[in-house]
Amino acid sequence: TESFLQALELCPLASRSPLRLLEIGIGIGFWTSLLIERLSKLDFHVTGLDISKDALAVVRARFPDVELEQADLRSINPNRFLHRFDLVTALMVLLHLTVPAEFDNALRFAARSVQRGGTLLLYEPAITEAYSPWIAGTMTEGNSQARRLDAYDQPLAQEGLQRVAILPGASWVLNSPIEAGNELNFRLRRAIW
């Protein structure tokens, strides 16, 4: 939560009114409640997207003013919300798209949904060190995929966006390590975890 709120502070939002936000993978509204609380002094409108009808029903009950749409990021038209939003968030969502073409589609959808001069805020596990079991091909468990930072940077640059910051998360502490300088250090981190 602290990392997300810190990242939100980097977004130039106060100058836009009304502020239009898209939350990709809204789930049951955990991040939504933080967004609404943080932006309460601004004129804003939130649109939420999720694949789950049940999750959307929860959000509808909690936040009746949020516009909701059921969609599958694996196959959504990347131009669906072309340049419509001042802030687009994808928070712990894209890692679940393990098929490269589906990840690319979702990332391009997120990027293309950002209005010129707007912000895309991603909160995803990004590999910045030399070794990771995901890159080495030894990670076979789970339904998620950590990716090298350039897997985000290159397609986003093609869409006209550039990274302005990368902030640390708590993945090593909470979810076990995802990377290290080499395999030996990774094994040490994993043993400590």
Protein backbone atom coordinates (compact mmCIF):
# COMPACT_ATOMS: atom_id res chain seq x y z
CA THR A 1 0.00 0.00 0.00
CA GLU A 2 2.79 2.41 0.91
CA SER A 3 4.61 1.76 -2.38
CA PHE A 4 1.42 2.31 -4.36
CA LEU A 5 0.59 5.58 -2.59
CA GLN A 6 4.19 6.73 -3.08
CA ALA A 7 3.90 5.98 -6.82
CA LEU A 8 0.57 7.80 -6.98
CA GLU A 9 2.28 10.93 -5.63
CA LEU A 10 4.48 10.96 -8.76
CA CYS A 11 1.43 11.22 -11.03
CA PRO A 12 0.54 14.76 -12.19
CA LEU A 13 -3.16 14.52 -11.42
CA ALA A 14 -4.19 17.78 -9.74
CA SER A 15 -3.99 19.78 -12.98
CA ARG A 16 -6.64 17.66 -14.70
CA SER A 17 -10.31 18.21 -14.04
CA PRO A 18 -12.35 16.18 -14.18
CA LEU A 19 -9.77 13.45 -13.74
CA ARG A 20 -10.61 10.22 -15.58
CA LEU A 21 -9.19 7.00 -14.14
CA LEU A 22 -9.20 3.43 -15.44
CA GLU A 23 -8.45 0.64 -13.00
CA ILE A 24 -7.57 -2.51 -14.93
CA GLY A 25 -8.24 -5.63 -12.86
CA ILE A 26 -10.31 -3.83 -10.26
CA GLY A 27 -11.00 -7.06 -8.36
CA ILE A 28 -13.13 -6.33 -5.29
CA GLY A 29 -11.90 -2.75 -5.01
CA PHE A 30 -8.93 -2.87 -2.64
CA TRP A 31 -6.91 -0.34 -4.69
CA THR A 32 -10.10 1.52 -5.59
CA SER A 33 -10.71 2.46 -1.98
CA LEU A 34 -7.17 3.86 -1.75
CA LEU A 35 -7.60 5.82 -4.98
CA ILE A 36 -10.92 7.29 -3.91
CA GLU A 37 -9.55 8.26 -0.49
CA ARG A 38 -6.38 9.80 -1.93
CA LEU A 39 -8.21 11.73 -4.67
CA SER A 40 -11.21 12.82 -2.57
CA LYS A 41 -10.42 16.53 -3.00
CA LEU A 42 -10.38 16.29 -6.80
CA ASP A 43 -13.18 16.01 -9.35
CA PHE A 44 -12.71 12.50 -10.72
CA HIS A 45 -14.48 9.57 -12.34
CA VAL A 46 -13.36 5.94 -12.03
CA THR A 47 -13.95 3.17 -14.56
CA GLY A 48 -13.10 -0.37 -13.47
CA LEU A 49 -12.45 -3.43 -15.57
CA ASP A 50 -12.35 -7.05 -14.45
CA ILE A 51 -12.92 -10.52 -15.88
CA SER A 52 -14.96 -11.66 -12.86
CA LYS A 53 -18.69 -10.89 -12.68
CA ASP A 54 -18.63 -11.76 -8.97
CA ALA A 55 -15.82 -9.29 -8.24
CA LEU A 56 -17.61 -6.57 -10.20
CA ALA A 57 -20.77 -7.19 -8.14
CA VAL A 58 -18.77 -6.57 -4.95
CA VAL A 59 -17.32 -3.33 -6.35
CA ARG A 60 -20.78 -2.21 -7.54
CA ALA A 61 -22.12 -2.64 -3.99
CA ARG A 62 -19.13 -0.88 -2.37
CA PHE A 63 -18.70 1.95 -4.90
CA PRO A 64 -21.94 2.64 -6.79
CA ASP A 65 -20.43 5.64 -8.61
CA VAL A 66 -17.69 3.58 -10.26
CA GLU A 67 -18.46 2.65 -13.87
CA LEU A 68 -17.75 -1.06 -14.38
CA GLU A 69 -17.15 -3.27 -17.36
CA GLN A 70 -16.46 -6.97 -17.61
CA ALA A 71 -13.58 -7.69 -19.98
CA ASP A 72 -10.90 -10.27 -20.63
CA LEU A 73 -7.47 -8.68 -21.01
CA ARG A 74 -6.23 -11.64 -23.01
CA SER A 75 -8.45 -10.71 -25.94
CA ILE A 76 -9.65 -7.14 -25.37
CA ASN A 77 -9.29 -4.80 -28.33
CA PRO A 78 -6.18 -2.72 -27.48
CA ASN A 79 -7.96 0.36 -28.87
CA ARG A 80 -11.11 -0.14 -26.76
CA PHE A 81 -10.50 3.02 -24.68
CA LEU A 82 -8.09 4.77 -27.05
CA HIS A 83 -6.52 7.80 -25.27
CA ARG A 84 -9.50 8.20 -22.92
CA PHE A 85 -7.99 8.27 -19.41
CA ASP A 86 -5.69 10.60 -17.47
CA LEU A 87 -4.56 7.77 -15.19
CA VAL A 88 -4.60 4.06 -15.99
CA THR A 89 -3.60 1.55 -13.32
CA ALA A 90 -2.80 -2.14 -13.59
CA LEU A 91 -1.97 -3.31 -10.10
CA MET A 92 -0.79 -6.91 -9.72
CA VAL A 93 -2.78 -7.94 -12.81
CA LEU A 94 -0.49 -8.37 -15.81
CA LEU A 95 1.69 -10.94 -14.03
CA HIS A 96 -1.19 -13.42 -14.35
CA LEU A 97 -1.00 -13.31 -18.15
CA THR A 98 1.62 -16.00 -18.74
CA VAL A 99 1.12 -16.33 -22.52
CA PRO A 100 3.36 -13.73 -24.18
CA ALA A 101 0.83 -12.63 -26.82
CA GLU A 102 -1.89 -12.16 -24.17
CA PHE A 103 0.47 -10.14 -21.96
CA ASP A 104 1.46 -7.98 -24.92
CA ASN A 105 -2.21 -7.39 -25.81
CA ALA A 106 -3.06 -6.35 -22.26
CA LEU A 107 -0.02 -4.09 -21.91
CA ARG A 108 -0.79 -2.35 -25.21
CA PHE A 109 -4.43 -1.95 -24.17
CA ALA A 110 -3.28 -0.28 -20.94
CA ALA A 111 -0.86 2.00 -22.80
CA ARG A 112 -3.33 2.99 -25.49
CA SER A 113 -5.99 3.81 -22.88
CA VAL A 114 -3.78 6.63 -21.53
CA GLN A 115 -4.59 10.10 -22.81
CA ARG A 116 -1.71 12.14 -24.22
CA GLY A 117 0.12 13.61 -21.22
CA GLY A 118 -1.49 11.05 -18.90
CA THR A 119 0.05 8.38 -16.70
CA LEU A 120 0.13 4.59 -16.71
CA LEU A 121 0.86 3.25 -13.24
CA LEU A 122 1.92 -0.41 -13.21
CA TYR A 123 2.45 -2.33 -9.99
CA GLU A 124 3.95 -5.58 -11.24
CA PRO A 125 6.96 -7.77 -10.38
CA ALA A 126 9.78 -6.58 -12.64
CA ILE A 127 13.14 -8.32 -12.77
CA THR A 128 16.01 -5.86 -12.60
CA GLU A 129 18.86 -8.15 -11.50
CA ALA A 130 20.82 -10.70 -13.54
CA TYR A 131 19.25 -13.95 -12.28
CA SER A 132 15.66 -15.10 -11.88
CA PRO A 133 14.16 -18.59 -12.08
CA TRP A 134 11.53 -17.14 -14.45
CA ILE A 135 14.27 -16.10 -16.87
CA ALA A 136 16.34 -19.25 -16.34
CA GLY A 137 13.31 -21.39 -17.16
CA THR A 138 13.30 -23.20 -13.82
CA MET A 139 10.11 -21.59 -12.48
CA THR A 140 7.22 -23.88 -13.34
CA GLU A 141 4.83 -23.35 -10.45
CA GLY A 142 1.94 -20.95 -10.15
CA ASN A 143 -0.16 -18.86 -12.47
CA SER A 144 2.03 -15.80 -12.64
CA GLN A 145 5.05 -14.55 -14.56
CA ALA A 146 7.65 -12.04 -13.46
CA ARG A 147 9.29 -10.33 -16.41
CA ARG A 148 12.42 -8.33 -17.11
CA LEU A 149 11.92 -4.59 -17.00
CA ASP A 150 12.48 -4.32 -20.75
CA ALA A 151 9.40 -6.51 -21.34
CA TYR A 152 7.48 -3.45 -20.13
CA ASP A 153 9.75 -0.66 -21.36
CA GLN A 154 10.05 -1.73 -25.01
CA PRO A 155 6.33 -2.12 -25.84
CA LEU A 156 5.45 1.00 -23.83
CA ALA A 157 8.05 3.03 -25.72
CA GLN A 158 6.51 1.78 -28.97
CA GLU A 159 3.20 3.13 -27.69
CA GLY A 160 4.73 6.54 -26.94
CA LEU A 161 5.21 6.15 -23.18
CA GLN A 162 8.39 6.28 -21.15
CA ARG A 163 9.22 5.09 -17.67
CA VAL A 164 9.71 7.95 -15.24
CA ALA A 165 10.30 5.93 -12.08
CA ILE A 166 10.64 2.47 -10.64
CA LEU A 167 9.93 2.00 -6.97
CA PRO A 168 10.75 -1.01 -4.79
CA GLY A 169 7.98 -3.28 -3.69
CA ALA A 170 7.88 -5.88 -0.94
CA SER A 171 7.93 -8.98 -3.10
CA TRP A 172 11.09 -10.47 -1.56
CA VAL A 173 9.68 -10.29 1.93
CA LEU A 174 6.09 -11.25 1.22
CA ASN A 175 6.18 -13.53 -1.81
CA SER A 176 9.68 -15.02 -1.74
CA PRO A 177 12.51 -13.69 -3.91
CA ILE A 178 12.04 -13.30 -7.65
CA GLU A 179 15.60 -12.30 -8.58
CA ALA A 180 19.20 -11.91 -7.48
CA GLY A 181 22.59 -11.05 -8.92
CA ASN A 182 23.30 -14.73 -9.57
CA GLU A 183 21.82 -18.17 -8.89
CA LEU A 184 23.81 -18.71 -5.68
CA ASN A 185 22.54 -15.44 -4.18
CA PHE A 186 19.04 -16.35 -5.26
CA ARG A 187 19.28 -19.71 -3.46
CA LEU A 188 20.56 -17.91 -0.35
CA ARG A 189 17.67 -15.43 -0.44
CA ARG A 190 15.22 -18.29 -0.92
CA ALA A 191 16.70 -20.20 2.04
CA ILE A 192 16.43 -17.12 4.26
CA TRP A 193 12.87 -16.54 3.13
